[in-house]
């Protein structure tokens, strides 16, 4: 192999080795560069950034930046925000430097200046001006502290809550505007003298159990009004800080709620309907005396806040639930009862083994609660049964009568008929036809008219039922198309109802009659 060929092979390898060595040495060179840049600025207020990361600072610079940390996302933003107050075009001038370069920035008053230098990704910022003791940048540091102090003072003074500070002797040594205005209101003056009075004598009197203490305390005004405040106390070695937030609206709302609950409790106590309210966890939270009277559940059991399942099981033991035929299905029905009460659709009558009847209604309440109402309707059910029995007896009596009777409501609808009427006028009706009780007076009149020869008193029957001036008893006679004679009578009934009766002569009803036999007195 010739020397030329050997050189051609070694040259690429040498280049690669040199590149690797350069890359391995570059971090050390950047560290040396950073160190050299800070050594040159040891006597000044200097910051060194690697990109936007703070790489190094001098002692005075570190003290200056410490006050800005915590309020900004990183050190670069904190420093640029601080320097922009004295160098309005700081960010724009730094951005114009590019990768490498150097610029001097001067404050508008000419008393301060900054040298900004960028090299190999590093940015060094050196601040100069009227030097204070220890080489600190006094004007900038003092300005920063003054601005921060002004902002904090404005924040505390303008806060809508009362803030004040007390020393170890419980004397007010500082207070914001809200505290002073409240103190002036209490004293009845336009402005409070200094030092202001302590508005809350109870603050700081108890044994401190923690560094932070919270109390709800009243404050009496001269006019008799009482304000309430939630006072937070933060204890320190040299005294304590206090913060008072108005709680009058909360106290008034709580009082209104208590009054409302008391009013409801008094109302529920006078109700004859039993009330049981279960919370979102299905625990009994409220009940009234009527519930105990109706269900015979002891007050100590109800006061233990039983769950809804336990409550229903106890009702079953007291025989205050319908006796189930299947216990498994009964448990499913109880689960359905709770679900339907949550939807507000549960309302059933419970026929109890003892003969009583309860109407039980379930209704949803706010925050997931449900309420059950227990009403004893035994008397109502008994009365309804008695009325129903009387009506059935009256209908049976009407059905054995020979006269065909129909009764119309004030609105002209058939209220009831007897068996003779149905046979006389609707004997050919089919089983699926519309019931007679749903028919109108005019429709029935058309039925009569179709089965009788022409007569002029059908409109009179309609008028007697619908016209108040025509409501009086009257009778008439017509003939059916089958040749039978029909006697008709119209009788007004109470509350606007009207009865119409149709009678067939005895011989035309197919009933034979025997003339009466005359007996002579004495012997022939």
Protein backbone atom coordinates (compact mmCIF):
# COMPACT_ATOMS: atom_id res chain seq x y z
CA UNK A 1 0.00 0.00 0.00
CA UNK A 2 1.41 3.38 -1.02
CA UNK A 3 1.80 6.30 1.35
CA UNK A 4 -0.86 8.22 -0.54
CA UNK A 5 -3.41 5.50 -0.03
CA UNK A 6 -2.52 5.17 3.66
CA UNK A 7 -2.94 8.90 4.12
CA UNK A 8 -6.35 8.75 2.43
CA UNK A 9 -7.48 6.11 4.92
CA UNK A 10 -6.16 7.86 8.03
CA UNK A 11 -7.45 11.33 7.21
CA UNK A 12 -11.22 10.63 7.83
CA UNK A 13 -10.42 8.78 11.03
CA UNK A 14 -8.33 11.66 12.27
CA UNK A 15 -11.15 14.10 11.57
CA UNK A 16 -13.63 12.00 13.54
CA UNK A 17 -11.25 11.66 16.49
CA UNK A 18 -10.68 15.42 16.53
CA UNK A 19 -14.44 16.05 16.47
CA UNK A 20 -15.01 13.66 19.36
CA UNK A 21 -12.25 15.28 21.39
CA UNK A 22 -13.70 18.69 20.68
CA UNK A 23 -17.15 17.57 21.81
CA UNK A 24 -15.74 16.02 24.96
CA UNK A 25 -13.80 19.17 25.78
CA UNK A 26 -16.69 21.60 24.99
CA UNK A 27 -18.51 21.30 28.35
CA UNK A 28 -15.28 22.06 30.16
CA UNK A 29 -14.65 25.02 27.89
CA UNK A 30 -18.19 26.39 28.53
CA UNK A 31 -17.65 26.05 32.27
CA UNK A 32 -14.35 27.88 31.99
CA UNK A 33 -16.05 30.57 29.91
CA UNK A 34 -18.85 30.98 32.48
CA UNK A 35 -16.35 31.15 35.30
CA UNK A 36 -14.23 33.71 33.46
CA UNK A 37 -17.29 35.90 32.80
CA UNK A 38 -18.21 35.89 36.52
CA UNK A 39 -14.62 36.51 37.67
CA UNK A 40 -14.56 39.63 35.54
CA UNK A 41 -17.75 40.88 37.24
CA UNK A 42 -17.00 39.92 40.85
CA UNK A 43 -16.97 43.55 41.99
CA UNK A 44 -20.37 44.38 40.49
CA UNK A 45 -23.95 43.30 40.71
CA UNK A 46 -23.82 40.58 38.05
CA UNK A 47 -26.13 37.81 36.81
CA UNK A 48 -25.09 34.97 34.49
CA UNK A 49 -27.80 33.08 32.57
CA UNK A 50 -27.39 29.96 30.45
CA UNK A 51 -30.29 30.60 28.14
CA UNK A 52 -33.05 31.47 30.59
CA UNK A 53 -31.60 29.40 33.47
CA UNK A 54 -29.70 31.27 36.14
CA UNK A 55 -26.17 29.81 36.14
CA UNK A 56 -24.40 32.07 38.64
CA UNK A 57 -24.64 35.39 40.48
CA UNK A 58 -22.54 37.60 42.66
CA UNK A 59 -23.52 38.09 46.29
CA UNK A 60 -25.20 41.51 45.90
CA UNK A 61 -27.08 40.27 42.83
CA UNK A 62 -28.34 37.25 44.73
CA UNK A 63 -29.74 39.51 47.47
CA UNK A 64 -31.43 41.71 44.90
CA UNK A 65 -33.10 38.80 43.08
CA UNK A 66 -34.27 37.10 46.26
CA UNK A 67 -37.07 39.61 46.75
CA UNK A 68 -38.46 38.92 43.28
CA UNK A 69 -38.58 35.12 43.49
CA UNK A 70 -41.81 33.35 44.27
CA UNK A 71 -43.96 35.80 42.33
CA UNK A 72 -42.63 34.88 38.85
CA UNK A 73 -42.38 31.56 36.99
CA UNK A 74 -38.53 31.64 36.73
CA UNK A 75 -35.46 33.79 37.52
CA UNK A 76 -35.17 35.26 34.01
CA UNK A 77 -38.75 36.58 34.07
CA UNK A 78 -38.24 37.87 37.63
CA UNK A 79 -35.08 39.80 36.68
CA UNK A 80 -36.47 41.23 33.42
CA UNK A 81 -39.59 42.38 35.27
CA UNK A 82 -37.38 44.10 37.87
CA UNK A 83 -35.03 45.76 35.37
CA UNK A 84 -37.85 46.91 33.08
CA UNK A 85 -38.85 49.40 35.79
CA UNK A 86 -35.54 51.26 35.32
CA UNK A 87 -34.73 50.32 31.69
CA UNK A 88 -38.06 50.45 29.80
CA UNK A 89 -36.60 48.93 26.61
CA UNK A 90 -34.61 46.21 28.39
CA UNK A 91 -36.19 43.16 26.76
CA UNK A 92 -36.13 44.65 23.24
CA UNK A 93 -32.46 45.69 23.55
CA UNK A 94 -31.46 42.22 24.82
CA UNK A 95 -33.31 40.54 21.99
CA UNK A 96 -31.36 42.67 19.47
CA UNK A 97 -27.99 41.28 20.65
CA UNK A 98 -28.48 37.99 18.84
CA UNK A 99 -26.12 35.09 19.65
CA UNK A 100 -23.10 37.26 20.49
CA UNK A 101 -22.75 40.93 21.30
CA UNK A 102 -22.64 43.60 23.98
CA UNK A 103 -24.74 46.65 24.82
CA UNK A 104 -24.92 49.30 27.51
CA UNK A 105 -28.34 50.42 28.73
CA UNK A 106 -28.79 53.69 30.61
CA UNK A 107 -31.71 54.60 32.84
CA UNK A 108 -33.76 57.69 31.92
CA UNK A 109 -32.35 59.65 34.88
CA UNK A 110 -28.75 58.75 33.92
CA UNK A 111 -27.82 57.58 37.42
CA UNK A 112 -27.83 53.86 36.60
CA UNK A 113 -26.65 51.74 33.71
CA UNK A 114 -26.39 48.06 32.78
CA UNK A 115 -23.92 46.18 30.59
CA UNK A 116 -25.51 43.20 28.81
CA UNK A 117 -23.18 40.73 27.09
CA UNK A 118 -24.02 37.49 25.25
CA UNK A 119 -21.44 34.88 24.30
CA UNK A 120 -21.85 31.23 23.30
CA UNK A 121 -25.37 30.98 24.76
CA UNK A 122 -24.50 32.78 28.00
CA UNK A 123 -25.96 36.16 28.98
CA UNK A 124 -24.15 38.31 31.55
CA UNK A 125 -25.91 41.32 33.04
CA UNK A 126 -23.87 43.77 35.15
CA UNK A 127 -25.55 46.65 36.96
CA UNK A 128 -23.80 49.92 37.88
CA UNK A 129 -24.79 53.17 39.52
CA UNK A 130 -24.62 54.85 42.89
CA UNK A 131 -22.94 52.09 44.86
CA UNK A 132 -24.00 51.47 48.45
CA UNK A 133 -22.18 49.70 51.22
CA UNK A 134 -20.98 46.27 50.26
CA UNK A 135 -21.24 47.05 46.60
CA UNK A 136 -25.02 46.61 46.35
CA UNK A 137 -27.01 48.31 43.65
CA UNK A 138 -28.74 50.60 46.18
CA UNK A 139 -31.14 52.61 43.97
CA UNK A 140 -32.56 49.55 42.24
CA UNK A 141 -32.83 47.48 45.42
CA UNK A 142 -34.42 50.35 47.31
CA UNK A 143 -36.88 50.99 44.48
CA UNK A 144 -37.84 47.34 44.31
CA UNK A 145 -38.48 47.21 48.05
CA UNK A 146 -40.45 50.45 47.95
CA UNK A 147 -42.66 49.20 45.11
CA UNK A 148 -43.28 45.90 46.88
CA UNK A 149 -44.07 47.71 50.13
CA UNK A 150 -46.45 50.10 48.33
CA UNK A 151 -48.26 47.18 46.70
CA UNK A 152 -48.61 45.30 49.99
CA UNK A 153 -49.78 48.41 51.82
CA UNK A 154 -52.39 49.15 49.12
CA UNK A 155 -53.54 45.54 49.23
CA UNK A 156 -54.01 45.58 53.01
CA UNK A 157 -55.59 49.05 53.13
CA UNK A 158 -58.07 48.33 50.34
CA UNK A 159 -59.09 44.86 51.54
CA UNK A 160 -62.86 44.60 52.17
CA UNK A 161 -62.23 42.70 55.42
CA UNK A 162 -60.87 44.09 58.68
CA UNK A 163 -57.15 43.47 59.24
CA UNK A 164 -55.24 44.61 62.30
CA UNK A 165 -52.15 43.77 64.33
CA UNK A 166 -51.79 43.61 68.10
CA UNK A 167 -48.63 43.52 70.21
CA UNK A 168 -47.92 41.29 73.19
CA UNK A 169 -49.97 43.62 75.43
CA UNK A 170 -53.02 43.22 73.13
CA UNK A 171 -52.80 46.78 71.92
CA UNK A 172 -53.67 47.60 68.30
CA UNK A 173 -50.47 48.75 66.63
CA UNK A 174 -51.70 48.72 63.03
CA UNK A 175 -55.11 48.54 61.35
CA UNK A 176 -56.42 48.89 57.81
CA UNK A 177 -59.09 51.28 56.60
CA UNK A 178 -61.97 48.80 57.03
CA UNK A 179 -61.08 48.31 60.70
CA UNK A 180 -60.81 52.05 61.36
CA UNK A 181 -64.18 52.74 59.67
CA UNK A 182 -65.86 50.02 61.74
CA UNK A 183 -64.25 51.34 64.93
CA UNK A 184 -65.54 54.83 64.11
CA UNK A 185 -69.05 53.40 63.60
CA UNK A 186 -68.92 51.71 66.98
CA UNK A 187 -67.75 54.89 68.73
CA UNK A 188 -70.28 57.02 66.81
CA UNK A 189 -67.64 59.40 65.40
CA UNK A 190 -66.53 60.24 61.88
CA UNK A 191 -62.92 59.11 62.46
CA UNK A 192 -61.30 56.91 65.06
CA UNK A 193 -58.45 58.30 67.17
CA UNK A 194 -55.13 56.49 67.32
CA UNK A 195 -54.60 54.00 68.71
CA UNK A 196 -58.02 52.60 67.84
CA UNK A 197 -60.07 50.58 70.28
CA UNK A 198 -60.09 46.80 70.35
CA UNK A 199 -63.39 45.83 68.71
CA UNK A 200 -63.33 42.23 69.91
CA UNK A 201 -62.38 41.87 73.56
CA UNK A 202 -62.62 38.08 73.36
CA UNK A 203 -59.83 37.79 70.77
CA UNK A 204 -56.62 36.37 72.26
CA UNK A 205 -58.05 35.75 75.74
CA UNK A 206 -58.26 31.97 75.48
CA UNK A 207 -55.30 29.65 75.93
CA UNK A 208 -53.65 29.23 72.55
CA UNK A 209 -54.07 25.68 71.34
CA UNK A 210 -52.63 26.42 67.91
CA UNK A 211 -50.90 29.18 66.00
CA UNK A 212 -54.15 29.80 64.08
CA UNK A 213 -57.46 30.30 65.88
CA UNK A 214 -60.93 30.92 64.41
CA UNK A 215 -63.93 32.39 66.25
CA UNK A 216 -67.36 33.77 65.37
CA UNK A 217 -67.85 36.90 67.48
CA UNK A 218 -70.58 39.57 67.78
CA UNK A 219 -70.05 43.32 67.48
CA UNK A 220 -72.68 45.63 68.99
CA UNK A 221 -73.36 48.98 67.29
CA UNK A 222 -74.72 52.06 69.11
CA UNK A 223 -78.17 51.77 67.51
CA UNK A 224 -78.73 48.30 68.97
CA UNK A 225 -77.77 46.41 65.82
CA UNK A 226 -75.46 43.43 66.24
CA UNK A 227 -73.00 42.44 63.55
CA UNK A 228 -71.25 39.07 63.40
CA UNK A 229 -67.73 38.36 62.19
CA UNK A 230 -65.59 35.30 61.60
CA UNK A 231 -62.27 36.28 63.19
CA UNK A 232 -59.04 34.44 62.32
CA UNK A 233 -56.07 34.99 64.63
CA UNK A 234 -52.49 34.17 63.61
CA UNK A 235 -50.15 34.22 66.60
CA UNK A 236 -46.46 35.19 66.42
CA UNK A 237 -43.68 35.88 68.91
CA UNK A 238 -44.05 39.65 68.68
CA UNK A 239 -47.86 39.74 68.74
CA UNK A 240 -50.70 38.56 66.54
CA UNK A 241 -52.40 39.31 63.24
CA UNK A 242 -56.20 39.29 62.99
CA UNK A 243 -58.59 39.03 60.05
CA UNK A 244 -62.36 39.59 60.44
CA UNK A 245 -64.84 38.67 57.69
CA UNK A 246 -68.50 39.67 57.96
CA UNK A 247 -70.69 36.69 58.90
CA UNK A 248 -73.94 38.58 59.53
CA UNK A 249 -75.59 37.17 56.41
CA UNK A 250 -74.64 33.63 57.43
CA UNK A 251 -75.90 34.13 60.99
CA UNK A 252 -79.17 35.59 59.73
CA UNK A 253 -79.59 32.70 57.29
CA UNK A 254 -78.95 30.17 60.05
CA UNK A 255 -81.45 31.93 62.32
CA UNK A 256 -84.03 32.00 59.54
CA UNK A 257 -83.43 28.32 58.92
CA UNK A 258 -83.87 27.51 62.61
CA UNK A 259 -87.08 29.54 62.75
CA UNK A 260 -88.35 27.84 59.62
CA UNK A 261 -87.57 24.41 61.03
CA UNK A 262 -89.29 25.32 64.29
CA UNK A 263 -92.33 26.56 62.38
CA UNK A 264 -92.42 23.37 60.35
CA UNK A 265 -92.02 21.30 63.49
CA UNK A 266 -94.96 23.07 65.15
CA UNK A 267 -97.03 22.65 62.01
CA UNK A 268 -96.12 18.97 61.69
CA UNK A 269 -96.89 18.44 65.37
CA UNK A 270 -100.50 19.55 64.81
CA UNK A 271 -101.01 17.43 61.70
CA UNK A 272 -103.17 14.33 61.89
CA UNK A 273 -101.08 12.81 59.10
CA UNK A 274 -97.96 10.89 60.14
CA UNK A 275 -94.73 12.27 58.66
CA UNK A 276 -91.39 10.44 58.29
CA UNK A 277 -88.48 12.12 56.45
CA UNK A 278 -85.37 10.12 55.52
CA UNK A 279 -82.14 11.81 54.43
CA UNK A 280 -80.00 10.92 51.43
CA UNK A 281 -78.45 8.05 53.47
CA UNK A 282 -81.98 6.80 54.17
CA UNK A 283 -81.82 7.55 57.88
CA UNK A 284 -84.89 8.92 59.70
CA UNK A 285 -84.21 12.61 60.42
CA UNK A 286 -87.67 13.99 61.21
CA UNK A 287 -91.01 12.64 62.41
CA UNK A 288 -94.11 14.05 64.11
CA UNK A 289 -96.31 12.80 66.99
CA UNK A 290 -99.00 11.60 64.60
CA UNK A 291 -96.56 9.02 63.20
CA UNK A 292 -96.17 7.49 66.65
CA UNK A 293 -99.93 7.48 67.22
CA UNK A 294 -100.69 5.83 63.87
CA UNK A 295 -97.88 3.27 63.78
CA UNK A 296 -97.50 2.62 67.56
CA UNK A 297 -93.71 2.89 67.14
CA UNK A 298 -91.93 3.96 70.37
CA UNK A 299 -90.22 7.34 70.45
CA UNK A 300 -86.88 5.86 71.54
CA UNK A 301 -86.80 3.71 68.42
CA UNK A 302 -87.58 6.67 66.14
CA UNK A 303 -85.06 8.88 67.94
CA UNK A 304 -82.29 6.37 67.09
CA UNK A 305 -82.62 7.44 63.43
CA UNK A 306 -83.32 3.98 62.00
CA UNK A 307 -82.75 3.22 58.34
CA UNK A 308 -85.71 2.88 56.02
CA UNK A 309 -85.42 -0.94 55.87
CA UNK A 310 -85.29 -1.18 59.66
CA UNK A 311 -88.24 1.23 59.89
CA UNK A 312 -90.37 -0.91 57.55
CA UNK A 313 -89.35 -4.14 59.29
CA UNK A 314 -90.47 -2.64 62.59
CA UNK A 315 -93.79 -1.62 61.01
CA UNK A 316 -94.29 -5.21 59.91
CA UNK A 317 -93.62 -6.43 63.44
CA UNK A 318 -96.25 -3.97 64.68
CA UNK A 319 -98.71 -5.35 62.06
CA UNK A 320 -98.76 -1.93 60.41
CA UNK A 321 -97.94 -3.26 56.95
CA UNK A 322 -100.13 -5.29 54.58
CA UNK A 323 -99.56 -8.97 55.32
CA UNK A 324 -97.49 -10.35 52.43
CA UNK A 325 -98.27 -13.66 50.80
CA UNK A 326 -94.64 -14.10 49.73
CA UNK A 327 -91.88 -12.64 51.94
CA UNK A 328 -89.34 -12.56 49.08
CA UNK A 329 -91.66 -10.60 46.82
CA UNK A 330 -92.46 -8.35 49.76
CA UNK A 331 -88.78 -7.37 50.11
CA UNK A 332 -88.68 -6.54 46.40
CA UNK A 333 -91.79 -4.43 46.83
CA UNK A 334 -90.10 -2.48 49.64
CA UNK A 335 -87.15 -1.74 47.36
CA UNK A 336 -89.56 -0.60 44.66
CA UNK A 337 -91.35 1.54 47.27
CA UNK A 338 -88.14 3.49 47.96
CA UNK A 339 -87.40 3.92 44.24
CA UNK A 340 -90.92 5.13 43.46
CA UNK A 341 -90.87 7.52 46.43
CA UNK A 342 -87.64 9.01 45.07
CA UNK A 343 -89.42 9.61 41.76
CA UNK A 344 -92.49 11.01 43.53
CA UNK A 345 -94.86 8.37 42.10
CA UNK A 346 -95.61 6.25 45.16
CA UNK A 347 -99.17 6.47 46.51
CA UNK A 348 -100.98 3.36 47.70
CA UNK A 349 -103.62 2.27 50.17
CA UNK A 350 -102.44 -0.24 52.76
CA UNK A 351 -105.12 -2.61 54.05
CA UNK A 352 -103.73 -3.54 57.46
CA UNK A 353 -104.43 -6.85 59.21
CA UNK A 354 -106.21 -5.03 62.05
CA UNK A 355 -108.85 -3.63 59.71
CA UNK A 356 -107.39 -0.14 59.32
CA UNK A 357 -106.56 1.38 55.95
CA UNK A 358 -103.60 3.75 55.48
CA UNK A 359 -102.95 5.93 52.48
CA UNK A 360 -99.15 6.05 52.15
CA UNK A 361 -97.55 8.67 49.88
CA UNK A 362 -93.86 8.98 49.04
CA UNK A 363 -92.40 12.29 47.87
CA UNK A 364 -88.83 13.35 47.02
CA UNK A 365 -87.16 16.14 49.00
CA UNK A 366 -84.08 18.28 48.22
CA UNK A 367 -80.59 16.82 48.55
CA UNK A 368 -81.77 13.26 47.91
CA UNK A 369 -84.12 12.97 50.90
CA UNK A 370 -87.56 11.35 50.73
CA UNK A 371 -90.68 11.84 52.85
CA UNK A 372 -93.50 9.40 53.62
CA UNK A 373 -96.98 10.54 54.64
CA UNK A 374 -99.20 8.10 56.56
CA UNK A 375 -102.91 8.96 56.58
CA UNK A 376 -105.59 6.88 58.29
CA UNK A 377 -108.46 6.67 55.78
CA UNK A 378 -110.35 3.88 57.52
CA UNK A 379 -113.43 6.06 58.09
CA UNK A 380 -113.31 7.31 54.51
CA UNK A 381 -113.07 3.77 53.13
CA UNK A 382 -115.89 2.59 55.41
CA UNK A 383 -118.09 5.50 54.33
CA UNK A 384 -117.35 4.85 50.67
CA UNK A 385 -118.22 1.19 51.11
CA UNK A 386 -121.50 2.11 52.83
CA UNK A 387 -122.41 4.56 50.10
CA UNK A 388 -121.50 2.02 47.46
CA UNK A 389 -123.71 -0.53 49.19
CA UNK A 390 -126.59 1.95 49.36
CA UNK A 391 -126.21 2.78 45.69
CA UNK A 392 -126.16 -0.91 44.77
CA UNK A 393 -129.30 -1.44 46.87
CA UNK A 394 -131.04 1.51 45.20
CA UNK A 395 -130.05 0.22 41.75
CA UNK A 396 -131.39 -3.23 42.61
CA UNK A 397 -134.68 -1.68 43.77
CA UNK A 398 -134.94 0.27 40.52
CA UNK A 399 -134.27 -2.87 38.48
CA UNK A 400 -137.30 -4.70 39.94
CA UNK A 401 -139.62 -1.81 39.11
CA UNK A 402 -141.92 -2.11 36.11
CA UNK A 403 -141.52 1.54 35.17
CA UNK A 404 -138.61 2.22 32.79
CA UNK A 405 -136.55 4.96 34.44
CA UNK A 406 -133.63 7.05 33.20
CA UNK A 407 -131.97 9.92 35.10
CA UNK A 408 -130.05 12.73 33.37
CA UNK A 409 -127.41 14.98 34.92
CA UNK A 410 -127.69 18.79 34.68
CA UNK A 411 -125.34 18.57 31.69
CA UNK A 412 -127.72 16.27 29.82
CA UNK A 413 -125.82 12.98 30.28
CA UNK A 414 -127.39 9.69 31.35
CA UNK A 415 -126.56 9.15 35.04
CA UNK A 416 -128.38 5.84 35.59
CA UNK A 417 -131.02 3.56 34.14
CA UNK A 418 -132.89 0.53 35.39
CA UNK A 419 -133.35 -2.87 33.79
CA UNK A 420 -136.86 -2.05 32.51
CA UNK A 421 -135.52 0.98 30.61
CA UNK A 422 -132.75 -1.02 28.97
CA UNK A 423 -135.20 -3.70 27.88
CA UNK A 424 -137.77 -1.19 26.59
CA UNK A 425 -135.49 1.03 24.53
CA UNK A 426 -132.21 -0.89 24.11
CA UNK A 427 -133.29 -4.49 24.01
CA UNK A 428 -131.47 -5.04 20.69
CA UNK A 429 -128.12 -3.52 21.80
CA UNK A 430 -124.96 -5.51 21.26
CA UNK A 431 -122.64 -6.30 24.17
CA UNK A 432 -119.81 -4.11 22.82
CA UNK A 433 -122.02 -1.04 22.29
CA UNK A 434 -121.42 2.22 24.15
CA UNK A 435 -122.93 1.97 27.68
CA UNK A 436 -126.19 3.81 28.12
CA UNK A 437 -124.76 5.89 30.98
CA UNK A 438 -122.40 7.57 28.53
CA UNK A 439 -125.18 8.66 26.19
CA UNK A 440 -126.45 12.22 25.81
CA UNK A 441 -130.06 13.30 26.26
CA UNK A 442 -130.45 14.27 22.62
CA UNK A 443 -129.11 10.86 21.50
CA UNK A 444 -131.59 9.10 23.77
CA UNK A 445 -134.40 11.29 22.45
CA UNK A 446 -133.49 10.16 18.93
CA UNK A 447 -133.73 6.52 20.13
CA UNK A 448 -137.21 7.17 21.57
CA UNK A 449 -138.31 9.00 18.45
CA UNK A 450 -137.14 6.18 16.16
CA UNK A 451 -139.23 3.61 18.06
CA UNK A 452 -142.44 5.65 18.38
CA UNK A 453 -144.94 7.24 16.08
CA UNK A 454 -144.62 10.95 15.48
CA UNK A 455 -145.26 13.11 18.54
CA UNK A 456 -144.35 16.64 19.57
CA UNK A 457 -143.33 16.19 23.19
CA UNK A 458 -139.75 14.84 22.72
CA UNK A 459 -138.40 18.43 22.47
CA UNK A 460 -140.36 19.21 25.66
CA UNK A 461 -138.44 16.50 27.52
CA UNK A 462 -135.14 18.03 26.33
CA UNK A 463 -136.29 21.50 27.37
CA UNK A 464 -137.37 20.24 30.81
CA UNK A 465 -133.83 18.97 31.44
CA UNK A 466 -131.84 21.93 30.04
CA UNK A 467 -134.07 25.01 30.49
CA UNK A 468 -134.50 26.17 34.13
CA UNK A 469 -137.82 27.83 33.34
CA UNK A 470 -139.28 24.54 32.01
CA UNK A 471 -138.33 22.46 35.05
CA UNK A 472 -141.67 21.26 36.32
CA UNK A 473 -143.41 17.84 36.48
CA UNK A 474 -145.59 16.83 33.56
CA UNK A 475 -146.92 13.68 31.85
CA UNK A 476 -147.70 12.57 28.32
CA UNK A 477 -148.60 9.55 26.22
CA UNK A 478 -147.27 8.17 22.96
CA UNK A 479 -147.43 4.94 21.02
CA UNK A 480 -144.56 2.75 19.95
CA UNK A 481 -144.28 1.49 16.40
CA UNK A 482 -145.11 -2.03 17.66
CA UNK A 483 -148.49 -0.73 18.75
CA UNK A 484 -147.94 -0.53 22.49
CA UNK A 485 -148.95 2.58 24.39
CA UNK A 486 -146.32 4.30 26.48
CA UNK A 487 -147.12 6.70 29.32
CA UNK A 488 -144.30 9.17 29.97
CA UNK A 489 -143.63 11.35 32.99
CA UNK A 490 -140.91 13.96 33.58
CA UNK A 491 -139.87 14.76 37.17
CA UNK A 492 -137.23 17.43 38.10
CA UNK A 493 -134.79 16.16 40.72
CA UNK A 494 -132.57 18.11 43.16
CA UNK A 495 -129.31 19.74 41.95
CA UNK A 496 -130.48 20.03 38.35
CA UNK A 497 -131.01 16.34 37.58
CA UNK A 498 -134.08 15.13 35.67
CA UNK A 499 -135.88 11.76 35.76
CA UNK A 500 -137.90 10.44 32.84
CA UNK A 501 -140.18 7.41 33.41
CA UNK A 502 -141.93 5.27 30.82
CA UNK A 503 -144.83 2.95 31.75
CA UNK A 504 -146.66 0.38 29.65
CA UNK A 505 -150.28 -0.42 30.53
CA UNK A 506 -150.59 -3.68 32.47
CA UNK A 507 -152.33 -5.58 29.70
CA UNK A 508 -149.66 -4.53 27.22
CA UNK A 509 -146.85 -5.80 29.48
CA UNK A 510 -148.21 -9.34 29.05
CA UNK A 511 -149.64 -9.50 32.59
CA UNK A 512 -153.27 -10.68 32.75
CA UNK A 513 -155.54 -8.89 35.18
CA UNK A 514 -158.57 -10.31 37.05
CA UNK A 515 -161.50 -7.92 37.45
CA UNK A 516 -162.37 -7.40 41.07
CA UNK A 517 -165.26 -9.55 42.35
CA UNK A 518 -168.02 -7.77 44.12
CA UNK A 519 -169.34 -9.38 47.23
CA UNK A 520 -172.77 -8.45 48.57
CA UNK A 521 -173.32 -8.23 52.23
CA UNK A 522 -175.92 -10.43 53.81
CA UNK A 523 -177.85 -13.43 52.26
CA UNK A 524 -179.19 -13.49 48.68
